[in-house]
Amino acid sequence: MSVRLVLVASLVVILASFRAGAQQTAAGGQQAAAPAQAPTPAVLVARAEAIVDSFVARDFAKVFGQFSAGMKQALPEEKLPGAWDSILTQTGTFLKRTGATTEVRGDYFVVSVAADFERNKANFLVTFDKAGEVAGFRAGPAAPPVVYAPPDYANAASFTEEEISVGAPGWPLPGTLTMPVGAGPFAAIVLVHGSGPNDRDESFGPNKTFKDLALGLASRGIAVLRYDKRTKIHAAKLPSVTSFTVQDETVDDALTAVALLRKTARIDPRRIYVLGHSLGGMLIPRIGASDPALAGLIVMAGAIRSIERSILDQLQYMADADGKISDAEQRAIDEAKKLADAVSKLTPADAKSATNLGGAPYSYWVDLRGYDPAKHAASLKQRLLILQGARDYQVTVDDFEKWKAALAGRPNVEFHLYPALNHLFLPGQGKSLPAEYMVPGHVPVEVITDIAGWIK
């Protein structure tokens, strides 16, 4: 299950989304043939709406009974209450269903059930396989369709965009190279996503943080390469990865993108940078250590706290936002505490287990346990730029201060704190909450100017 209503706090359930979907895709080929008469679209829509109603009624056994074998393995019945409570923590009380739409995706039939909650609107994506079993369930923010309008600082006459394929061998990823007009050679940046199955623009509701960066920086003479994340494009193939870690999820593809830029005409191979946002920022030290020839590294809202700690802190933040903690919010917090405790008890030997914990395999947790991004960054030789929004509740100013403390005294490190910006690097006022992520906006020109100036 994935709850994209919160970006970093939901990393574990986001991982569960692509693991569950991928495992089901693999398992689907082993299931018995579909019945002679497959369920009609109308029947599947009614079943999807009933599944949402069962969640609302907390009849989790009824929901679980409709899961396929792969889905049952990826999302056990005992985890369903916590997953539902995490949704309620972000959205408030369920009010009503408001409609459903359908889409055919290959061999799968997807029903999107729209619903109103106390604080947000949401869509529930229920994916059915050929046999009519639930192959995936994911919650995400609902927003009216918004046509992306480039920010004012984007000068369309100063750059071109080209579709390009990125990715480690066997894992091709569609991407976009935004190239300044002119002979070059140009400095270039690879953009590395945050948690979840992100697209190349790092779209969230009506906002596209990475597209803003690409257009703004290319307008200032810097090439930008961005690409769809492996967990978005290759969900069906991921179960074949043994001992899955962030190396498979993120690092390998970032390094491959850098190598591609070094061979690209009009790019200066000596001036290639990598920018990581959120989880990508957390992993910047690993990327930098793997490629010492990089000219510099940029961290945007890079988490210092462990993933399990971030989840707990963010759930607590949202529960406290209205001054009272509901039963659902408390249950979600309690589940997050159990997750953190379970992660702390894993041993290196557990990394070989195929068992999932919080939607991610043991190997994922073992790999990151004890990882201190700032401490690792202190050993890097490259220039570093650390950017942080002061209103960010997902990666907080406390994280930013830890970066500053670990890198204090380094002459080739620069820090910028933006008082009005949230986790998406969008401006706002007052206490930052998930609902503001659905308000259309752009990364401020100040951020673009700071990055471009630091590079040049």
Protein backbone atom coordinates (compact mmCIF):
# COMPACT_ATOMS: atom_id res chain seq x y z
CA MET A 1 0.00 0.00 0.00
CA SER A 2 1.26 3.44 -0.79
CA VAL A 3 0.15 6.66 0.77
CA ARG A 4 1.57 9.44 -1.39
CA LEU A 5 -0.17 12.04 0.77
CA VAL A 6 3.08 12.32 2.71
CA LEU A 7 6.35 12.12 0.88
CA VAL A 8 9.08 10.87 3.18
CA ALA A 9 7.05 9.72 6.14
CA SER A 10 5.34 7.19 3.93
CA LEU A 11 8.54 5.74 2.51
CA VAL A 12 7.85 2.33 3.97
CA VAL A 13 4.32 2.07 2.67
CA ILE A 14 5.47 3.52 -0.63
CA LEU A 15 8.02 0.73 -0.88
CA ALA A 16 5.23 -1.65 -0.03
CA SER A 17 3.36 -0.36 -3.05
CA PHE A 18 5.97 -1.28 -5.62
CA ARG A 19 7.03 -4.47 -3.85
CA ALA A 20 3.45 -5.64 -3.50
CA GLY A 21 2.59 -4.70 -7.06
CA ALA A 22 5.78 -6.28 -8.37
CA GLN A 23 5.43 -9.46 -6.38
CA GLN A 24 1.88 -9.77 -7.56
CA THR A 25 2.97 -9.31 -11.18
CA ALA A 26 5.48 -12.09 -10.80
CA ALA A 27 3.06 -14.28 -8.89
CA GLY A 28 0.31 -13.61 -11.39
CA GLY A 29 2.05 -15.78 -13.97
CA GLN A 30 1.91 -18.71 -11.57
CA GLN A 31 -1.77 -18.43 -10.75
CA ALA A 32 -4.44 -20.60 -12.22
CA ALA A 33 -5.94 -19.46 -15.50
CA ALA A 34 -8.60 -16.81 -15.27
CA PRO A 35 -12.18 -18.04 -15.15
CA ALA A 36 -13.95 -18.55 -18.45
CA GLN A 37 -15.93 -15.40 -17.88
CA ALA A 38 -13.86 -12.68 -16.26
CA PRO A 39 -15.66 -10.12 -14.08
CA THR A 40 -17.15 -7.24 -16.03
CA PRO A 41 -15.86 -3.68 -15.51
CA ALA A 42 -19.06 -2.77 -13.68
CA VAL A 43 -18.56 -5.66 -11.26
CA LEU A 44 -14.95 -4.67 -10.62
CA VAL A 45 -15.94 -1.04 -9.97
CA ALA A 46 -18.53 -2.20 -7.44
CA ARG A 47 -15.95 -4.47 -5.78
CA ALA A 48 -13.39 -1.65 -5.59
CA GLU A 49 -15.94 0.64 -3.93
CA ALA A 50 -16.83 -2.15 -1.53
CA ILE A 51 -13.16 -2.62 -0.64
CA VAL A 52 -12.90 1.05 0.31
CA ASP A 53 -16.09 0.68 2.35
CA SER A 54 -14.60 -2.35 4.11
CA PHE A 55 -11.54 -0.32 5.07
CA VAL A 56 -13.80 2.39 6.45
CA ALA A 57 -15.70 -0.24 8.46
CA ARG A 58 -12.35 -1.72 9.59
CA ASP A 59 -13.41 -5.08 8.18
CA PHE A 60 -9.84 -5.95 7.22
CA ALA A 61 -10.48 -9.68 6.95
CA LYS A 62 -12.94 -8.99 4.15
CA VAL A 63 -10.37 -6.87 2.32
CA PHE A 64 -7.61 -9.42 2.78
CA GLY A 65 -9.82 -12.21 1.47
CA GLN A 66 -9.85 -10.55 -1.96
CA PHE A 67 -6.06 -10.26 -2.23
CA SER A 68 -4.09 -12.44 -4.62
CA ALA A 69 -1.37 -14.73 -3.28
CA GLY A 70 1.40 -12.25 -4.06
CA MET A 71 -0.49 -9.38 -2.47
CA LYS A 72 -1.16 -11.41 0.66
CA GLN A 73 2.53 -12.08 1.02
CA ALA A 74 3.50 -8.45 0.50
CA LEU A 75 0.79 -6.96 2.72
CA PRO A 76 -0.26 -9.39 5.51
CA GLU A 77 -3.66 -8.98 7.11
CA GLU A 78 -2.21 -7.87 10.43
CA LYS A 79 -0.59 -4.88 8.68
CA LEU A 80 -3.83 -3.56 7.18
CA PRO A 81 -5.08 -1.71 10.30
CA GLY A 82 -1.82 0.21 10.61
CA ALA A 83 -1.81 1.07 6.91
CA TRP A 84 -5.37 2.38 7.11
CA ASP A 85 -4.62 4.35 10.26
CA SER A 86 -1.65 5.99 8.55
CA ILE A 87 -4.05 7.25 5.88
CA LEU A 88 -6.46 8.62 8.46
CA THR A 89 -3.59 10.34 10.26
CA GLN A 90 -2.94 12.34 7.11
CA THR A 91 -6.50 12.88 5.91
CA GLY A 92 -8.72 12.97 8.96
CA THR A 93 -12.09 11.22 9.20
CA PHE A 94 -13.56 9.55 6.11
CA LEU A 95 -16.63 11.41 4.83
CA LYS A 96 -17.85 9.81 1.59
CA ARG A 97 -16.98 8.23 -1.73
CA THR A 98 -17.42 10.65 -4.64
CA GLY A 99 -17.05 8.52 -7.76
CA ALA A 100 -14.87 6.06 -9.64
CA THR A 101 -12.95 5.90 -12.90
CA THR A 102 -11.29 2.96 -14.64
CA GLU A 103 -8.16 2.29 -16.68
CA VAL A 104 -6.70 -0.78 -18.39
CA ARG A 105 -2.96 -1.23 -17.81
CA GLY A 106 -1.73 -4.21 -19.76
CA ASP A 107 -3.26 -7.31 -18.17
CA TYR A 108 -4.60 -5.32 -15.24
CA PHE A 109 -7.80 -3.40 -14.62
CA VAL A 110 -7.40 -0.38 -12.33
CA VAL A 111 -10.29 1.30 -10.53
CA SER A 112 -9.68 4.73 -9.01
CA VAL A 113 -12.16 5.41 -6.22
CA ALA A 114 -12.34 9.08 -5.21
CA ALA A 115 -13.20 9.99 -1.63
CA ASP A 116 -13.57 13.02 0.60
CA PHE A 117 -11.97 13.12 4.03
CA GLU A 118 -12.05 15.69 6.79
CA ARG A 119 -8.79 17.38 5.72
CA ASN A 120 -8.07 16.10 2.19
CA LYS A 121 -9.45 14.42 -0.86
CA ALA A 122 -7.90 11.09 -1.87
CA ASN A 123 -7.96 8.50 -4.63
CA PHE A 124 -7.78 4.77 -3.92
CA LEU A 125 -6.30 2.76 -6.77
CA VAL A 126 -7.51 -0.84 -6.68
CA THR A 127 -5.76 -3.05 -9.25
CA PHE A 128 -7.38 -6.31 -10.37
CA ASP A 129 -5.62 -9.12 -12.22
CA LYS A 130 -7.17 -11.33 -14.90
CA ALA A 131 -8.61 -13.62 -12.25
CA GLY A 132 -10.41 -10.72 -10.63
CA GLU A 133 -8.21 -10.75 -7.54
CA VAL A 134 -6.78 -7.59 -5.98
CA ALA A 135 -3.20 -7.27 -7.25
CA GLY A 136 -2.54 -3.86 -5.70
CA PHE A 137 -4.02 -1.20 -3.48
CA ARG A 138 -2.62 2.31 -3.19
CA ALA A 139 -3.86 5.60 -1.77
CA GLY A 140 -2.82 8.94 -3.20
CA PRO A 141 -3.77 12.60 -3.08
CA ALA A 142 -6.61 13.76 -5.26
CA ALA A 143 -6.25 17.04 -7.06
CA PRO A 144 -8.13 18.70 -9.89
CA PRO A 145 -6.30 18.40 -13.21
CA VAL A 146 -3.81 21.22 -13.56
CA VAL A 147 -1.95 21.98 -16.77
CA TYR A 148 1.66 22.63 -15.87
CA ALA A 149 2.69 26.19 -16.69
CA PRO A 150 6.44 26.86 -16.73
CA PRO A 151 7.67 29.30 -14.09
CA ASP A 152 8.41 32.87 -15.13
CA TYR A 153 12.14 32.28 -14.83
CA ALA A 154 12.09 29.61 -17.55
CA ASN A 155 13.20 31.04 -20.90
CA ALA A 156 12.00 28.52 -23.50
CA ALA A 157 14.20 30.07 -26.20
CA SER A 158 17.37 29.34 -24.23
CA PHE A 159 17.14 25.52 -24.08
CA THR A 160 15.90 22.40 -25.83
CA GLU A 161 14.55 19.15 -24.38
CA GLU A 162 15.39 15.68 -25.68
CA GLU A 163 13.98 12.30 -24.71
CA ILE A 164 16.77 10.02 -23.60
CA SER A 165 17.16 6.55 -22.07
CA VAL A 166 18.98 6.25 -18.75
CA GLY A 167 19.58 3.32 -16.44
CA ALA A 168 21.97 0.62 -15.36
CA PRO A 169 22.29 -2.41 -17.67
CA GLY A 170 18.98 -4.23 -17.89
CA TRP A 171 17.08 -1.36 -16.27
CA PRO A 172 16.37 1.25 -18.99
CA LEU A 173 14.59 4.35 -17.75
CA PRO A 174 12.94 7.03 -19.90
CA GLY A 175 14.32 10.47 -19.18
CA THR A 176 14.70 14.02 -20.41
CA LEU A 177 17.89 15.94 -21.13
CA THR A 178 17.32 19.70 -20.92
CA MET A 179 20.18 21.31 -22.82
CA PRO A 180 21.06 25.02 -23.08
CA VAL A 181 21.23 26.44 -26.59
CA GLY A 182 24.78 27.05 -27.75
CA ALA A 183 28.08 25.33 -28.45
CA GLY A 184 28.96 24.54 -24.84
CA PRO A 185 30.57 22.75 -23.22
CA PHE A 186 28.07 23.12 -20.39
CA ALA A 187 28.06 22.12 -16.75
CA ALA A 188 25.38 19.51 -16.06
CA ILE A 189 23.32 18.15 -13.15
CA VAL A 190 21.68 14.76 -12.59
CA LEU A 191 18.51 14.99 -10.46
CA VAL A 192 17.92 12.14 -7.99
CA HIS A 193 14.40 11.59 -6.63
CA GLY A 194 12.97 11.25 -3.18
CA SER A 195 11.15 8.19 -1.87
CA GLY A 196 8.52 6.30 -3.82
CA PRO A 197 7.95 5.47 -7.49
CA ASN A 198 8.58 9.02 -8.74
CA ASP A 199 8.49 10.23 -12.31
CA ARG A 200 11.26 12.33 -13.81
CA ASP A 201 9.56 15.60 -12.84
CA GLU A 202 9.08 14.50 -9.22
CA SER A 203 5.41 15.29 -9.71
CA PHE A 204 3.26 15.63 -6.63
CA GLY A 205 -0.30 16.70 -7.28
CA PRO A 206 -0.08 19.78 -9.53
CA ASN A 207 3.56 20.48 -8.64
CA LYS A 208 6.73 19.37 -10.42
CA THR A 209 9.81 20.22 -8.38
CA PHE A 210 12.32 18.63 -10.75
CA LYS A 211 10.79 20.14 -13.87
CA ASP A 212 11.02 23.58 -12.30
CA LEU A 213 14.69 22.96 -11.53
CA ALA A 214 15.42 21.66 -15.03
CA LEU A 215 13.81 24.57 -16.87
CA GLY A 216 15.23 27.18 -14.52
CA LEU A 217 18.79 25.88 -14.54
CA ALA A 218 18.86 25.25 -18.30
CA SER A 219 17.72 28.85 -18.78
CA ARG A 220 20.90 29.78 -16.94
CA GLY A 221 23.24 27.68 -19.07
CA ILE A 222 23.30 24.43 -17.06
CA ALA A 223 22.22 21.12 -18.61
CA VAL A 224 19.89 18.92 -16.53
CA LEU A 225 19.23 15.20 -16.82
CA ARG A 226 16.18 13.76 -15.07
CA TYR A 227 14.56 10.34 -15.44
CA ASP A 228 11.72 8.16 -14.20
CA LYS A 229 12.67 6.14 -11.15
CA ARG A 230 13.38 2.43 -11.34
CA THR A 231 10.58 1.63 -8.89
CA LYS A 232 8.10 3.33 -11.24
CA ILE A 233 9.22 1.73 -14.50
CA HIS A 234 10.35 -1.75 -13.46
CA ALA A 235 7.97 -2.79 -10.70
CA ALA A 236 7.36 -6.17 -12.32
CA LYS A 237 11.06 -6.95 -12.46
CA LEU A 238 12.02 -5.91 -8.94
CA PRO A 239 11.21 -9.27 -7.29
CA SER A 240 14.17 -10.72 -9.21
CA VAL A 241 16.52 -8.49 -7.19
CA THR A 242 17.95 -10.38 -4.23
CA SER A 243 19.02 -8.40 -1.16
CA PHE A 244 17.29 -5.27 -2.45
CA THR A 245 18.82 -2.00 -1.11
CA VAL A 246 19.02 1.69 -2.00
CA GLN A 247 21.88 0.76 -4.31
CA ASP A 248 19.32 -0.98 -6.54
CA GLU A 249 16.58 1.58 -5.92
CA THR A 250 18.56 4.78 -6.49
CA VAL A 251 22.36 4.84 -6.48
CA ASP A 252 23.13 2.65 -9.51
CA ASP A 253 20.87 4.65 -11.81
CA ALA A 254 22.28 7.99 -10.65
CA LEU A 255 25.81 6.81 -11.40
CA THR A 256 24.75 5.52 -14.80
CA ALA A 257 23.16 8.88 -15.60
CA VAL A 258 26.44 10.62 -14.73
CA ALA A 259 28.37 8.25 -17.00
CA LEU A 260 25.93 9.00 -19.80
CA LEU A 261 26.45 12.74 -19.44
CA ARG A 262 30.23 12.33 -19.62
CA LYS A 263 29.82 10.88 -23.12
CA THR A 264 27.27 13.48 -24.27
CA ALA A 265 28.27 16.14 -26.78
CA ARG A 266 28.39 19.73 -25.50
CA ILE A 267 28.66 18.57 -21.86
CA ASP A 268 31.83 19.36 -19.94
CA PRO A 269 32.77 16.01 -18.32
CA ARG A 270 34.74 17.84 -15.63
CA ARG A 271 31.71 19.84 -14.46
CA ILE A 272 29.05 17.25 -13.70
CA TYR A 273 27.06 17.52 -10.48
CA VAL A 274 24.43 15.40 -8.74
CA LEU A 275 21.47 16.88 -6.87
CA GLY A 276 19.48 14.64 -4.53
CA HIS A 277 16.14 15.57 -2.96
CA SER A 278 14.80 13.95 0.22
CA LEU A 279 15.84 10.28 0.05
CA GLY A 280 18.06 11.27 -2.88
CA GLY A 281 19.69 13.87 -0.66
CA MET A 282 20.19 11.31 2.08
CA LEU A 283 22.06 9.14 -0.44
CA ILE A 284 24.23 11.91 -1.93
CA PRO A 285 27.26 10.87 0.20
CA ARG A 286 27.05 7.33 -1.20
CA ILE A 287 26.82 8.63 -4.74
CA GLY A 288 29.72 11.00 -4.18
CA ALA A 289 31.90 8.28 -2.67
CA SER A 290 31.16 6.01 -5.63
CA ASP A 291 32.26 8.66 -8.17
CA PRO A 292 35.06 10.91 -6.80
CA ALA A 293 35.36 12.61 -10.21
CA LEU A 294 32.06 14.43 -9.70
CA ALA A 295 32.58 18.18 -9.58
CA GLY A 296 30.14 18.69 -6.73
CA LEU A 297 27.09 17.46 -4.87
CA ILE A 298 23.84 19.19 -3.89
CA VAL A 299 21.59 18.08 -1.02
CA MET A 300 17.98 19.33 -1.03
CA ALA A 301 16.16 18.42 2.18
CA GLY A 302 18.42 15.44 2.79
CA ALA A 303 17.32 13.42 5.81
CA ILE A 304 19.78 12.66 8.59
CA ARG A 305 17.41 10.69 10.80
CA SER A 306 16.77 7.05 9.98
CA ILE A 307 13.75 6.25 7.85
CA GLU A 308 11.91 4.51 10.67
CA ARG A 309 12.55 7.49 12.98
CA SER A 310 11.35 9.93 10.31
CA ILE A 311 8.13 7.97 9.89
CA LEU A 312 7.42 8.09 13.61
CA ASP A 313 8.27 11.78 13.94
CA GLN A 314 6.09 12.77 11.00
CA LEU A 315 3.10 10.76 12.16
CA GLN A 316 3.45 12.41 15.57
CA TYR A 317 3.71 15.85 13.93
CA MET A 318 0.52 15.36 11.92
CA ALA A 319 -1.33 13.88 14.88
CA ASP A 320 -0.41 16.90 17.00
CA ALA A 321 -1.28 19.43 14.30
CA ASP A 322 -4.89 19.96 15.43
CA GLY A 323 -4.16 19.71 19.15
CA LYS A 324 -5.73 16.30 19.64
CA ILE A 325 -4.71 12.74 18.82
CA SER A 326 -7.46 10.52 17.44
CA ASP A 327 -7.62 6.77 18.01
CA ALA A 328 -6.52 6.15 14.41
CA GLU A 329 -3.59 8.52 14.81
CA GLN A 330 -2.48 6.85 18.01
CA ARG A 331 -2.70 3.41 16.41
CA ALA A 332 -0.55 4.63 13.49
CA ILE A 333 2.01 6.03 15.93
CA ASP A 334 2.06 2.76 17.86
CA GLU A 335 2.64 0.80 14.64
CA ALA A 336 5.51 3.13 13.73
CA LYS A 337 7.07 2.48 17.13
CA LYS A 338 6.78 -1.27 16.55
CA LEU A 339 8.45 -0.86 13.16
CA ALA A 340 11.35 1.09 14.66
CA ASP A 341 11.78 -1.56 17.34
CA ALA A 342 11.71 -4.37 14.78
CA VAL A 343 14.33 -2.64 12.61
CA SER A 344 16.60 -2.19 15.63
CA LYS A 345 16.57 -5.94 16.24
CA LEU A 346 17.60 -7.00 12.72
CA THR A 347 20.97 -8.67 12.33
CA PRO A 348 23.28 -8.72 9.29
CA ALA A 349 22.20 -12.30 8.68
CA ASP A 350 18.60 -11.10 8.26
CA ALA A 351 19.63 -9.30 5.07
CA LYS A 352 19.50 -12.66 3.29
CA SER A 353 15.86 -13.17 4.23
CA ALA A 354 13.11 -12.48 1.71
CA THR A 355 10.82 -11.37 4.53
CA ASN A 356 9.28 -7.90 4.33
CA LEU A 357 9.13 -5.44 7.20
CA GLY A 358 6.96 -2.38 6.79
CA GLY A 359 6.72 -3.12 3.09
CA ALA A 360 10.48 -3.26 2.46
CA PRO A 361 12.70 -6.37 2.61
CA TYR A 362 14.99 -6.93 5.57
CA SER A 363 18.00 -6.22 3.33
CA TYR A 364 16.78 -2.65 2.80
CA TRP A 365 16.66 -1.91 6.52
CA VAL A 366 19.93 -3.66 7.35
CA ASP A 367 21.74 -1.72 4.62
CA LEU A 368 20.63 1.67 5.98
CA ARG A 369 20.80 0.94 9.69
CA GLY A 370 23.50 3.05 11.27
CA TYR A 371 24.02 5.08 8.09
CA ASP A 372 24.87 8.68 8.97
CA PRO A 373 24.76 10.77 5.77
CA ALA A 374 26.45 13.83 7.26
CA LYS A 375 29.29 11.80 8.75
CA HIS A 376 29.86 10.10 5.40
CA ALA A 377 29.72 13.46 3.61
CA ALA A 378 32.51 14.79 5.84
CA SER A 379 34.94 12.37 4.21
CA LEU A 380 34.14 13.51 0.66
CA LYS A 381 36.49 15.76 -1.29
CA GLN A 382 33.88 17.29 -3.62
CA ARG A 383 32.22 20.66 -3.15
CA LEU A 384 28.88 20.44 -1.34
CA LEU A 385 25.77 22.64 -1.38
CA ILE A 386 23.18 21.96 1.34
CA LEU A 387 19.68 23.44 0.85
CA GLN A 388 16.79 23.31 3.32
CA GLY A 389 13.29 24.72 3.71
CA ALA A 390 12.62 26.00 7.23
CA ARG A 391 8.93 24.95 7.08
CA ASP A 392 9.76 21.37 6.11
CA TYR A 393 8.27 18.94 8.65
CA GLN A 394 9.51 15.83 6.85
CA VAL A 395 13.20 16.71 6.80
CA THR A 396 13.53 19.35 9.45
CA VAL A 397 15.84 22.20 10.37
CA ASP A 398 17.28 19.82 12.97
CA ASP A 399 18.49 17.63 10.11
CA PHE A 400 19.94 20.71 8.44
CA GLU A 401 21.81 21.66 11.62
CA LYS A 402 23.34 18.18 11.74
CA TRP A 403 24.66 18.65 8.21
CA LYS A 404 26.15 21.97 9.28
CA ALA A 405 27.75 20.50 12.40
CA ALA A 406 29.31 17.56 10.55
CA LEU A 407 30.66 19.76 7.76
CA ALA A 408 31.69 22.77 9.85
CA GLY A 409 34.98 24.30 8.83
CA ARG A 410 34.96 22.89 5.32
CA PRO A 411 35.77 25.77 2.95
CA ASN A 412 34.10 24.02 0.00
CA VAL A 413 30.66 23.59 1.62
CA GLU A 414 27.82 26.12 1.35
CA PHE A 415 24.51 26.17 3.26
CA HIS A 416 21.19 27.86 2.43
CA LEU A 417 18.08 27.90 4.64
CA TYR A 418 14.85 29.26 3.08
CA PRO A 419 12.36 30.50 5.73
CA ALA A 420 9.14 30.11 3.67
CA LEU A 421 9.78 26.78 1.90
CA ASN A 422 8.36 23.34 2.63
CA HIS A 423 9.63 19.87 1.72
CA LEU A 424 8.81 20.32 -1.97
CA PHE A 425 10.71 23.63 -1.92
CA LEU A 426 7.45 25.48 -2.45
CA PRO A 427 6.57 28.64 -0.49
CA GLY A 428 3.84 28.85 2.11
CA GLN A 429 2.85 30.34 5.44
CA GLY A 430 2.29 28.99 8.92
CA LYS A 431 2.45 25.34 9.85
CA SER A 432 3.23 23.09 6.89
CA LEU A 433 0.73 20.26 6.37
CA PRO A 434 0.13 17.74 3.55
CA ALA A 435 -2.79 19.70 2.08
CA GLU A 436 -0.52 22.54 0.96
CA TYR A 437 1.32 20.15 -1.37
CA MET A 438 -1.79 20.20 -3.54
CA VAL A 439 -1.65 23.98 -4.04
CA PRO A 440 -0.02 24.76 -7.42
CA GLY A 441 3.28 26.57 -7.16
CA HIS A 442 6.88 26.72 -8.34
CA VAL A 443 10.30 26.44 -6.80
CA PRO A 444 11.25 30.10 -6.14
CA VAL A 445 13.75 31.77 -8.43
CA GLU A 446 15.98 32.34 -5.40
CA VAL A 447 16.68 28.59 -5.21
CA ILE A 448 17.44 28.42 -8.93
CA THR A 449 19.77 31.41 -8.66
CA ASP A 450 21.59 29.97 -5.65
CA ILE A 451 22.22 26.62 -7.37
CA ALA A 452 23.29 28.20 -10.67
CA GLY A 453 25.53 30.69 -8.93
CA TRP A 454 27.19 28.00 -6.83
CA ILE A 455 27.91 25.91 -9.94
CA LYS A 456 29.21 28.80 -12.03
